[in-house]
């Protein structure tokens, strides 16, 4: 939820308060300060700066979103719910930068994790299928479209339209 700078500043404030509380021998509040520091460290590894990056991504500030995602030291340490969304956002950034192979890899990973909604999951699958069509990998595109169609009853009409257009495009190839 915080950027790394804010997280470090808050941890420093709690560390100073911990020192003061230990000096004043107020051990109960010192224990709370220790717990808050531990919570900030846990939040760094399990949540990262994903909320900040998502905010930038939704406002179409892709450079800032990418910078926030790069503050995450190792995406493998993110919680399962956050890892998929990390890959989804990074895939969107790669599409904007027209780095389609990297986008395909990120969306493939995103599809393996739970996302915010079924529509987001299907969007990841459809994007991989679309990129695969552009790279003439029609078998992979068909496989990902089949995976996307498994959720046909839970997705929006716009996403159904995209899937049908991709099917039409596959038939012409």
Protein backbone atom coordinates (compact mmCIF):
# COMPACT_ATOMS: atom_id res chain seq x y z
CA UNK A 1 0.00 0.00 0.00
CA UNK A 2 2.98 2.26 0.55
CA UNK A 3 5.89 3.16 -1.65
CA UNK A 4 9.21 1.93 -0.35
CA UNK A 5 10.26 5.44 0.74
CA UNK A 6 7.11 5.88 2.82
CA UNK A 7 7.53 2.39 4.27
CA UNK A 8 11.13 3.16 5.31
CA UNK A 9 10.10 6.49 6.82
CA UNK A 10 7.32 4.87 8.88
CA UNK A 11 9.66 2.08 10.03
CA UNK A 12 12.20 4.71 11.08
CA UNK A 13 9.54 6.56 13.10
CA UNK A 14 8.56 3.31 14.82
CA UNK A 15 12.21 2.51 15.46
CA UNK A 16 12.72 5.90 17.11
CA UNK A 17 9.58 5.43 19.17
CA UNK A 18 10.80 1.95 20.12
CA UNK A 19 14.05 3.42 21.43
CA UNK A 20 12.19 6.09 23.39
CA UNK A 21 9.69 3.60 24.81
CA UNK A 22 12.46 1.24 25.89
CA UNK A 23 14.30 4.15 27.52
CA UNK A 24 11.11 5.11 29.38
CA UNK A 25 10.51 1.42 30.25
CA UNK A 26 7.08 1.29 28.67
CA UNK A 27 7.43 -2.27 27.41
CA UNK A 28 3.84 -2.82 26.29
CA UNK A 29 3.98 0.04 23.79
CA UNK A 30 7.50 -0.98 22.80
CA UNK A 31 6.11 -4.39 21.87
CA UNK A 32 3.47 -2.67 19.72
CA UNK A 33 6.21 -0.69 17.96
CA UNK A 34 8.12 -3.93 17.28
CA UNK A 35 4.95 -5.52 15.89
CA UNK A 36 4.40 -2.54 13.60
CA UNK A 37 7.95 -2.76 12.28
CA UNK A 38 7.48 -6.47 11.63
CA UNK A 39 4.16 -5.74 9.89
CA UNK A 40 5.86 -3.18 7.62
CA UNK A 41 8.57 -5.69 6.71
CA UNK A 42 5.98 -8.39 6.03
CA UNK A 43 3.99 -5.92 3.92
CA UNK A 44 7.11 -5.14 1.90
CA UNK A 45 7.56 -8.78 0.91
CA UNK A 46 3.92 -9.88 0.54
CA UNK A 47 2.23 -6.75 -0.84
CA UNK A 48 5.07 -4.69 -2.27
CA UNK A 49 4.28 -1.46 -4.05
CA UNK A 50 1.54 -3.06 -6.09
CA UNK A 51 -1.28 -0.80 -4.92
CA UNK A 52 0.71 2.28 -5.89
CA UNK A 53 1.58 0.74 -9.28
CA UNK A 54 -2.07 -0.18 -9.88
CA UNK A 55 -3.13 3.39 -9.19
CA UNK A 56 -0.64 4.70 -11.73
CA UNK A 57 -1.60 1.99 -14.22
CA UNK A 58 -5.31 2.84 -14.04
CA UNK A 59 -4.48 6.51 -14.58
CA UNK A 60 -2.40 5.50 -17.62
CA UNK A 61 0.86 6.73 -16.08
CA UNK A 62 2.78 3.70 -17.32
CA UNK A 63 6.29 4.96 -16.56
CA UNK A 64 5.40 5.59 -12.93
CA UNK A 65 3.62 2.23 -12.73
CA UNK A 66 6.68 0.45 -14.08
CA UNK A 67 8.95 2.30 -11.65
CA UNK A 68 6.69 1.22 -8.77
CA UNK A 69 6.74 -2.39 -9.95
CA UNK A 70 10.53 -2.32 -10.19
CA UNK A 71 10.68 -1.41 -6.49
CA UNK A 72 9.49 -4.95 -5.77
CA UNK A 73 12.70 -6.86 -5.18
CA UNK A 74 11.41 -10.34 -6.08
CA UNK A 75 7.87 -10.89 -7.39
CA UNK A 76 8.04 -14.54 -6.32
CA UNK A 77 7.75 -13.39 -2.71
CA UNK A 78 4.43 -11.63 -3.29
CA UNK A 79 1.30 -13.31 -1.99
CA UNK A 80 -0.62 -15.42 -4.51
CA UNK A 81 -3.36 -12.84 -4.85
CA UNK A 82 -0.83 -10.09 -5.53
CA UNK A 83 1.50 -12.02 -7.85
CA UNK A 84 -1.12 -12.46 -10.55
CA UNK A 85 -2.01 -8.80 -10.48
CA UNK A 86 1.70 -7.87 -10.60
CA UNK A 87 2.13 -9.91 -13.76
CA UNK A 88 -1.12 -8.55 -15.22
CA UNK A 89 -0.04 -4.93 -14.74
CA UNK A 90 3.47 -5.63 -16.01
CA UNK A 91 1.99 -7.33 -19.07
CA UNK A 92 -0.13 -4.25 -19.75
CA UNK A 93 2.92 -2.02 -19.46
CA UNK A 94 4.83 -4.25 -21.90
CA UNK A 95 1.93 -4.05 -24.37
CA UNK A 96 2.02 -0.26 -24.13
CA UNK A 97 5.77 -0.34 -24.82
CA UNK A 98 5.11 -2.79 -27.69
CA UNK A 99 7.29 -5.46 -26.11
CA UNK A 100 4.95 -8.27 -27.07
CA UNK A 101 7.10 -11.28 -26.15
CA UNK A 102 7.59 -9.96 -22.62
CA UNK A 103 3.89 -9.11 -22.41
CA UNK A 104 2.99 -12.62 -23.49
CA UNK A 105 5.19 -14.10 -20.75
CA UNK A 106 3.73 -11.82 -18.08
CA UNK A 107 0.14 -12.57 -19.10
CA UNK A 108 0.86 -16.32 -19.17
CA UNK A 109 2.10 -16.11 -15.59
CA UNK A 110 -0.83 -13.87 -14.59
CA UNK A 111 -3.30 -16.47 -15.91
CA UNK A 112 -1.86 -19.01 -13.47
CA UNK A 113 -2.77 -16.93 -10.42
CA UNK A 114 -6.08 -15.64 -9.10
CA UNK A 115 -6.87 -12.17 -10.39
CA UNK A 116 -9.31 -9.51 -9.26
CA UNK A 117 -12.15 -10.89 -11.39
CA UNK A 118 -12.92 -13.59 -13.92
CA UNK A 119 -12.96 -10.90 -16.59
CA UNK A 120 -9.33 -9.99 -15.77
CA UNK A 121 -8.38 -13.66 -15.94
CA UNK A 122 -10.04 -14.02 -19.34
CA UNK A 123 -8.41 -10.77 -20.50
CA UNK A 124 -5.00 -12.26 -19.71
CA UNK A 125 -5.84 -15.43 -21.64
CA UNK A 126 -7.21 -13.49 -24.59
CA UNK A 127 -4.17 -11.22 -24.71
CA UNK A 128 -1.87 -14.25 -24.88
CA UNK A 129 -4.04 -15.67 -27.66
CA UNK A 130 -3.96 -12.37 -29.55
CA UNK A 131 -0.17 -12.08 -29.30
CA UNK A 132 0.17 -15.73 -30.36
CA UNK A 133 -1.90 -15.04 -33.47
CA UNK A 134 0.34 -12.09 -34.30
CA UNK A 135 3.37 -14.38 -34.01
CA UNK A 136 1.73 -17.10 -36.15
CA UNK A 137 1.46 -19.56 -33.25
CA UNK A 138 -2.11 -20.61 -34.02
CA UNK A 139 -2.16 -23.77 -31.89
CA UNK A 140 -1.23 -21.82 -28.79
CA UNK A 141 -3.85 -19.20 -29.63
CA UNK A 142 -6.54 -21.88 -29.97
CA UNK A 143 -5.55 -23.42 -26.64
CA UNK A 144 -5.74 -20.09 -24.82
CA UNK A 145 -9.06 -19.22 -26.45
CA UNK A 146 -10.44 -22.57 -25.28
CA UNK A 147 -9.34 -21.73 -21.75
CA UNK A 148 -11.00 -18.33 -22.05
CA UNK A 149 -14.25 -19.87 -23.32
CA UNK A 150 -14.56 -21.96 -20.18
CA UNK A 151 -15.57 -18.75 -18.40
CA UNK A 152 -17.96 -17.53 -21.11
CA UNK A 153 -20.94 -17.33 -18.77
CA UNK A 154 -19.11 -15.02 -16.32
CA UNK A 155 -17.51 -12.45 -18.62
CA UNK A 156 -18.70 -9.18 -20.10
CA UNK A 157 -20.22 -8.82 -23.56
CA UNK A 158 -17.20 -6.82 -24.69
CA UNK A 159 -14.86 -9.68 -23.79
CA UNK A 160 -17.15 -12.16 -25.58
CA UNK A 161 -16.96 -9.95 -28.66
CA UNK A 162 -13.15 -9.93 -28.51
CA UNK A 163 -13.10 -13.72 -28.25
CA UNK A 164 -15.42 -14.10 -31.25
CA UNK A 165 -13.26 -11.72 -33.31
CA UNK A 166 -10.17 -13.75 -32.48
CA UNK A 167 -11.98 -16.96 -33.51
CA UNK A 168 -12.91 -15.36 -36.83
CA UNK A 169 -9.33 -14.29 -37.34
CA UNK A 170 -8.10 -17.82 -36.59
CA UNK A 171 -10.52 -19.26 -39.16
CA UNK A 172 -9.08 -17.03 -41.88
CA UNK A 173 -5.53 -18.17 -41.14
